[in-house]
Amino acid sequence: MFEKVLFPTDFSEVSRHALKNCIPQLFEVGAKELYLVHIVDITATDIEAIELMKIDEGELNRIAEEIRAKGIEVNPIVKIGIPSLEIAEIAQENNVDLVVMPSKGENILRQMFLGSTASNLVRATKKPVLVVKYEWDEEREEIRCLSNCKEIFKRPLIAVDFSECSEKVINVVKKFEELIEEVTLIHVVDYGKHEELEKNIETAKVKLREFARSFKVPNKTEVLTGIASHSILGTALAKDSSLIVVGKKGRSVIKDLLLGSTAERVVRDSKLPVLLVPCE
């Protein structure tokens, strides 16, 4: 399991909901240490950053104490700077295993947490990022998480493209294999000439079965054609997956995440949690 978890908080309602519910559930299934991080954004504050930092330190320490009362080891960290870069640096310095970020649906009126800070962090960090989805419950008039965080890792759908990136994706999934009930591996053939399609599909099936052998748990493989993000999202729904795992590729993704890459579309459109694995 991912033992060292980093959670960046902006003190928003969604962030507090995640800290109260999702984060403790991750510790129930094997996480050991929490890095609770808040960055005072030097580009967005109208008052003295140092004064704001003191106020935010007090609030973060108060939240940390509430979490410690649940038996969780917490390391609160407050810094001044550009949030995405500071969070990525803290994750690297402390060699965390996983960064967890809540993402709010567009029907929540407040500004989305998965806005500039989160998307920049996804590009900047070299650590796996778990994006957990939230939405507004009209009936109850409250925010709700779309997943049971205790069960996120039970039925992952893993998208692979047979590059070196895929090896890294598989290695990250192996970290929580003891929590997995069944794995679905998917490859989408969206390349080659029309007359090469059948051959490419058969080749992909063989390669995908090779990846499947690396798991000791029950697994399924799916080779599909079409738009990769649509195939990944549709298969995750059909297979009742609990998590989508995709790789993000170095410099190309630094550009593509804002221009509509497969990873960005999956994160944007999925109601399931998405685990983004860096491939640098």
Protein backbone atom coordinates (compact mmCIF):
# COMPACT_ATOMS: atom_id res chain seq x y z
CA MET A 1 0.00 0.00 0.00
CA PHE A 2 1.04 3.65 -0.37
CA GLU A 3 2.41 4.33 3.11
CA LYS A 4 3.33 8.03 2.90
CA VAL A 5 0.42 10.14 1.68
CA LEU A 6 0.46 13.87 0.91
CA PHE A 7 -2.79 15.83 1.00
CA PRO A 8 -2.72 19.51 -0.04
CA THR A 9 -5.54 21.47 1.54
CA ASP A 10 -6.96 24.87 0.63
CA PHE A 11 -9.37 24.81 3.62
CA SER A 12 -12.32 24.51 1.21
CA GLU A 13 -15.45 22.55 2.06
CA VAL A 14 -14.45 19.70 -0.24
CA SER A 15 -10.98 19.59 1.25
CA ARG A 16 -12.40 19.36 4.77
CA HIS A 17 -14.83 16.64 3.68
CA ALA A 18 -11.94 14.60 2.25
CA LEU A 19 -9.90 14.98 5.44
CA LYS A 20 -12.82 13.90 7.58
CA ASN A 21 -13.85 10.89 5.51
CA CYS A 22 -11.64 9.77 2.62
CA ILE A 23 -8.18 10.23 4.14
CA PRO A 24 -8.95 8.22 7.33
CA GLN A 25 -10.32 5.40 5.14
CA LEU A 26 -7.01 5.23 3.25
CA PHE A 27 -5.27 4.75 6.59
CA GLU A 28 -7.67 1.94 7.45
CA VAL A 29 -6.34 0.00 4.44
CA GLY A 30 -2.62 0.53 5.00
CA ALA A 31 -1.42 4.14 4.75
CA LYS A 32 0.96 5.01 7.61
CA GLU A 33 1.88 8.70 7.51
CA LEU A 34 0.12 11.87 6.33
CA TYR A 35 1.78 15.03 5.07
CA LEU A 36 -0.85 17.75 5.41
CA VAL A 37 0.20 20.69 3.25
CA HIS A 38 -1.09 24.22 2.79
CA ILE A 39 0.59 26.76 0.53
CA VAL A 40 0.02 30.49 0.90
CA ASP A 41 -0.22 31.57 -2.73
CA ILE A 42 2.04 34.58 -3.19
CA THR A 43 0.32 35.42 -6.47
CA ALA A 44 -3.21 35.59 -5.06
CA THR A 45 -3.09 37.20 -1.62
CA ASP A 46 -3.86 40.86 -0.98
CA ILE A 47 -2.48 40.93 2.56
CA GLU A 48 0.98 40.31 3.90
CA ALA A 49 1.95 36.72 3.13
CA ILE A 50 3.79 36.33 6.44
CA GLU A 51 0.73 37.38 8.43
CA LEU A 52 -1.51 35.08 6.42
CA MET A 53 0.96 32.25 6.91
CA LYS A 54 0.70 32.60 10.69
CA ILE A 55 -3.11 32.45 10.53
CA ASP A 56 -3.04 29.43 8.22
CA GLU A 57 -0.48 27.63 10.38
CA GLY A 58 -2.88 27.87 13.30
CA GLU A 59 -5.75 26.47 11.25
CA LEU A 60 -3.64 23.66 9.77
CA ASN A 61 -2.35 22.64 13.20
CA ARG A 62 -5.91 22.57 14.51
CA ILE A 63 -6.96 20.25 11.67
CA ALA A 64 -3.85 18.11 12.22
CA GLU A 65 -4.81 17.61 15.87
CA GLU A 66 -8.27 16.42 14.85
CA ILE A 67 -6.69 13.88 12.52
CA ARG A 68 -4.15 12.74 15.13
CA ALA A 69 -7.08 12.02 17.45
CA LYS A 70 -8.02 9.27 14.97
CA GLY A 71 -4.62 7.62 15.45
CA ILE A 72 -3.03 8.96 12.26
CA GLU A 73 0.54 10.27 12.19
CA VAL A 74 0.37 13.78 10.71
CA ASN A 75 3.08 16.19 9.52
CA PRO A 76 1.53 19.65 8.95
CA ILE A 77 3.49 21.89 6.56
CA VAL A 78 2.75 25.52 5.62
CA LYS A 79 4.84 27.39 3.05
CA ILE A 80 4.66 30.52 0.96
CA GLY A 81 5.03 30.24 -2.80
CA ILE A 82 3.42 28.97 -5.97
CA PRO A 83 1.19 26.12 -4.73
CA SER A 84 1.77 23.53 -7.46
CA LEU A 85 5.56 23.90 -7.37
CA GLU A 86 5.79 23.95 -3.58
CA ILE A 87 3.57 20.86 -3.22
CA ALA A 88 5.59 18.98 -5.84
CA GLU A 89 8.81 19.90 -4.04
CA ILE A 90 7.48 18.80 -0.65
CA ALA A 91 6.34 15.49 -2.16
CA GLN A 92 9.82 14.93 -3.61
CA GLU A 93 11.74 16.01 -0.50
CA ASN A 94 9.74 13.68 1.74
CA ASN A 95 9.62 10.86 -0.81
CA VAL A 96 5.87 10.43 -0.44
CA ASP A 97 4.21 7.49 -2.16
CA LEU A 98 0.99 9.21 -3.18
CA VAL A 99 -0.54 12.67 -3.54
CA VAL A 100 -4.33 12.73 -2.97
CA MET A 101 -6.41 15.53 -4.45
CA PRO A 102 -10.19 16.04 -4.34
CA SER A 103 -11.90 17.21 -7.52
CA LYS A 104 -15.27 18.95 -7.48
CA GLY A 105 -17.83 18.54 -10.23
CA GLU A 106 -18.94 21.59 -12.19
CA ASN A 107 -22.30 21.57 -10.40
CA ILE A 108 -20.58 22.71 -7.21
CA LEU A 109 -20.75 26.48 -7.28
CA ARG A 110 -17.43 27.26 -5.62
CA GLN A 111 -14.32 27.38 -7.74
CA MET A 112 -13.12 23.89 -8.63
CA PHE A 113 -10.18 22.64 -6.58
CA LEU A 114 -8.95 20.82 -9.69
CA GLY A 115 -8.30 24.15 -11.34
CA SER A 116 -4.97 25.75 -12.08
CA THR A 117 -3.22 24.59 -8.89
CA ALA A 118 -4.22 20.95 -9.24
CA SER A 119 -3.66 20.65 -12.98
CA ASN A 120 -0.26 22.34 -12.60
CA LEU A 121 0.59 19.96 -9.75
CA VAL A 122 -0.34 16.94 -11.87
CA ARG A 123 2.14 18.14 -14.47
CA ALA A 124 4.85 19.15 -12.01
CA THR A 125 5.01 16.24 -9.57
CA LYS A 126 6.97 13.05 -10.11
CA LYS A 127 4.74 11.20 -7.65
CA PRO A 128 1.50 9.31 -8.36
CA VAL A 129 -1.57 11.51 -7.95
CA LEU A 130 -4.95 10.11 -6.89
CA VAL A 131 -7.81 12.37 -7.97
CA VAL A 132 -10.97 11.64 -5.95
CA LYS A 133 -14.29 12.93 -7.31
CA TYR A 134 -16.89 14.94 -5.37
CA GLU A 135 -20.22 16.44 -6.33
CA TRP A 136 -23.08 18.42 -4.85
CA ASP A 137 -25.98 16.31 -3.56
CA GLU A 138 -29.06 18.37 -4.46
CA GLU A 139 -31.40 16.31 -2.29
CA ARG A 140 -29.32 16.51 0.86
CA GLU A 141 -27.81 19.88 0.00
CA GLU A 142 -24.31 18.77 0.82
CA ILE A 143 -21.08 17.68 -0.81
CA ARG A 144 -20.61 13.96 -1.24
CA CYS A 145 -17.74 11.77 -2.36
CA LEU A 146 -18.58 9.58 -5.35
CA SER A 147 -16.47 6.72 -4.00
CA ASN A 148 -15.88 4.75 -0.83
CA CYS A 149 -12.19 5.53 -0.33
CA LYS A 150 -11.73 2.31 1.61
CA GLU A 151 -12.62 0.36 -1.55
CA ILE A 152 -10.89 2.48 -4.20
CA PHE A 153 -8.14 -0.05 -4.86
CA LYS A 154 -10.31 -3.19 -5.11
CA ARG A 155 -11.09 -3.25 -8.84
CA PRO A 156 -8.66 -1.07 -10.78
CA LEU A 157 -8.84 -0.63 -14.53
CA ILE A 158 -5.34 -0.09 -15.87
CA ALA A 159 -4.79 1.57 -19.25
CA VAL A 160 -1.50 0.59 -20.91
CA ASP A 161 0.09 1.53 -24.23
CA PHE A 162 3.02 -0.95 -24.10
CA SER A 163 5.61 1.82 -23.71
CA GLU A 164 8.12 2.08 -20.87
CA CYS A 165 5.42 4.16 -19.18
CA SER A 166 3.23 1.06 -18.94
CA GLU A 167 5.88 -0.78 -16.95
CA LYS A 168 5.90 2.05 -14.41
CA VAL A 169 2.11 2.06 -14.24
CA ILE A 170 2.09 -1.68 -13.49
CA ASN A 171 4.77 -1.25 -10.81
CA VAL A 172 2.71 1.41 -9.04
CA VAL A 173 -0.39 -0.82 -9.09
CA LYS A 174 1.67 -3.66 -7.62
CA LYS A 175 2.14 -1.50 -4.51
CA PHE A 176 -1.50 -2.05 -3.56
CA GLU A 177 -1.98 -5.52 -5.04
CA GLU A 178 -2.86 -6.95 -1.62
CA LEU A 179 -6.03 -4.80 -1.70
CA ILE A 180 -7.08 -5.87 -5.21
CA GLU A 181 -9.93 -8.29 -5.85
CA GLU A 182 -9.67 -8.16 -9.66
CA VAL A 183 -7.66 -6.22 -12.24
CA THR A 184 -8.84 -5.15 -15.69
CA LEU A 185 -6.11 -4.25 -18.17
CA ILE A 186 -7.12 -2.29 -21.26
CA HIS A 187 -5.33 -1.23 -24.44
CA VAL A 188 -6.92 0.90 -27.12
CA VAL A 189 -5.77 0.48 -30.73
CA ASP A 190 -6.08 4.00 -32.11
CA TYR A 191 -3.10 3.80 -34.44
CA GLY A 192 -2.02 2.20 -37.74
CA LYS A 193 -3.68 2.02 -41.14
CA HIS A 194 -7.13 0.53 -41.58
CA GLU A 195 -5.78 -2.62 -43.22
CA GLU A 196 -3.43 -3.15 -40.26
CA LEU A 197 -6.20 -2.99 -37.67
CA GLU A 198 -6.83 -6.71 -37.24
CA LYS A 199 -3.11 -7.49 -36.95
CA ASN A 200 -2.61 -4.66 -34.44
CA ILE A 201 -5.50 -5.96 -32.32
CA GLU A 202 -4.11 -9.49 -32.21
CA THR A 203 -0.62 -8.23 -31.37
CA ALA A 204 -2.08 -6.09 -28.58
CA LYS A 205 -3.98 -9.03 -27.13
CA VAL A 206 -0.75 -11.04 -26.81
CA LYS A 207 1.12 -8.14 -25.19
CA LEU A 208 -1.73 -7.40 -22.82
CA ARG A 209 -1.83 -11.00 -21.61
CA GLU A 210 1.89 -10.72 -20.85
CA PHE A 211 1.21 -7.71 -18.62
CA ALA A 212 -1.62 -9.61 -16.93
CA ARG A 213 0.77 -12.39 -15.91
CA SER A 214 2.58 -9.98 -13.60
CA PHE A 215 -0.44 -10.04 -11.26
CA LYS A 216 -1.25 -12.80 -8.79
CA VAL A 217 -4.85 -11.64 -8.44
CA PRO A 218 -7.68 -12.49 -10.89
CA ASN A 219 -7.51 -10.34 -14.01
CA LYS A 220 -9.23 -9.57 -17.30
CA THR A 221 -7.88 -8.03 -20.50
CA GLU A 222 -9.67 -5.85 -23.04
CA VAL A 223 -8.35 -4.66 -26.42
CA LEU A 224 -10.60 -2.05 -28.00
CA THR A 225 -10.53 0.40 -30.90
CA GLY A 226 -11.63 4.01 -31.11
CA ILE A 227 -11.00 7.09 -28.98
CA ALA A 228 -8.86 6.04 -26.05
CA SER A 229 -10.54 8.15 -23.36
CA HIS A 230 -14.04 7.01 -24.41
CA SER A 231 -12.98 3.36 -24.39
CA ILE A 232 -11.32 3.66 -20.98
CA LEU A 233 -14.32 5.40 -19.39
CA GLY A 234 -16.86 3.07 -20.99
CA THR A 235 -15.01 -0.08 -19.98
CA ALA A 236 -14.53 1.15 -16.40
CA LEU A 237 -18.29 1.63 -16.16
CA ALA A 238 -19.09 -1.74 -17.77
CA LYS A 239 -16.64 -3.62 -15.53
CA ASP A 240 -17.79 -1.84 -12.35
CA SER A 241 -14.24 -0.66 -11.77
CA SER A 242 -13.39 1.21 -8.58
CA LEU A 243 -10.41 3.12 -9.99
CA ILE A 244 -8.90 4.12 -13.34
CA VAL A 245 -5.10 4.05 -13.59
CA VAL A 246 -3.37 5.92 -16.43
CA GLY A 247 0.16 7.08 -17.10
CA LYS A 248 1.20 10.66 -17.73
CA LYS A 249 4.16 11.04 -20.01
CA GLY A 250 6.83 13.60 -19.24
CA ARG A 251 7.16 16.66 -21.39
CA SER A 252 4.46 15.74 -23.88
CA VAL A 253 1.92 15.73 -21.07
CA ILE A 254 3.14 19.10 -19.81
CA LYS A 255 1.69 20.45 -23.05
CA ASP A 256 -1.06 17.92 -23.64
CA LEU A 257 -2.77 18.09 -20.23
CA LEU A 258 -4.10 21.51 -21.14
CA LEU A 259 -4.70 20.63 -24.79
CA GLY A 260 -6.86 17.53 -24.38
CA SER A 261 -4.70 14.46 -23.84
CA THR A 262 -6.21 11.08 -22.97
CA ALA A 263 -5.16 11.49 -19.33
CA GLU A 264 -6.72 14.95 -19.07
CA ARG A 265 -9.99 13.80 -20.65
CA VAL A 266 -10.20 10.79 -18.35
CA VAL A 267 -9.60 12.93 -15.26
CA ARG A 268 -12.11 15.50 -16.46
CA ASP A 269 -14.92 13.14 -17.45
CA SER A 270 -14.59 10.22 -15.02
CA LYS A 271 -16.78 9.98 -11.94
CA LEU A 272 -14.43 7.29 -10.65
CA PRO A 273 -11.18 8.12 -8.87
CA VAL A 274 -8.25 8.39 -11.27
CA LEU A 275 -4.67 7.44 -10.38
CA LEU A 276 -2.18 9.31 -12.54
CA VAL A 277 1.25 7.70 -12.70
CA PRO A 278 4.24 9.82 -13.76
CA CYS A 279 6.43 8.21 -16.38
CA GLU A 280 9.55 10.36 -16.24
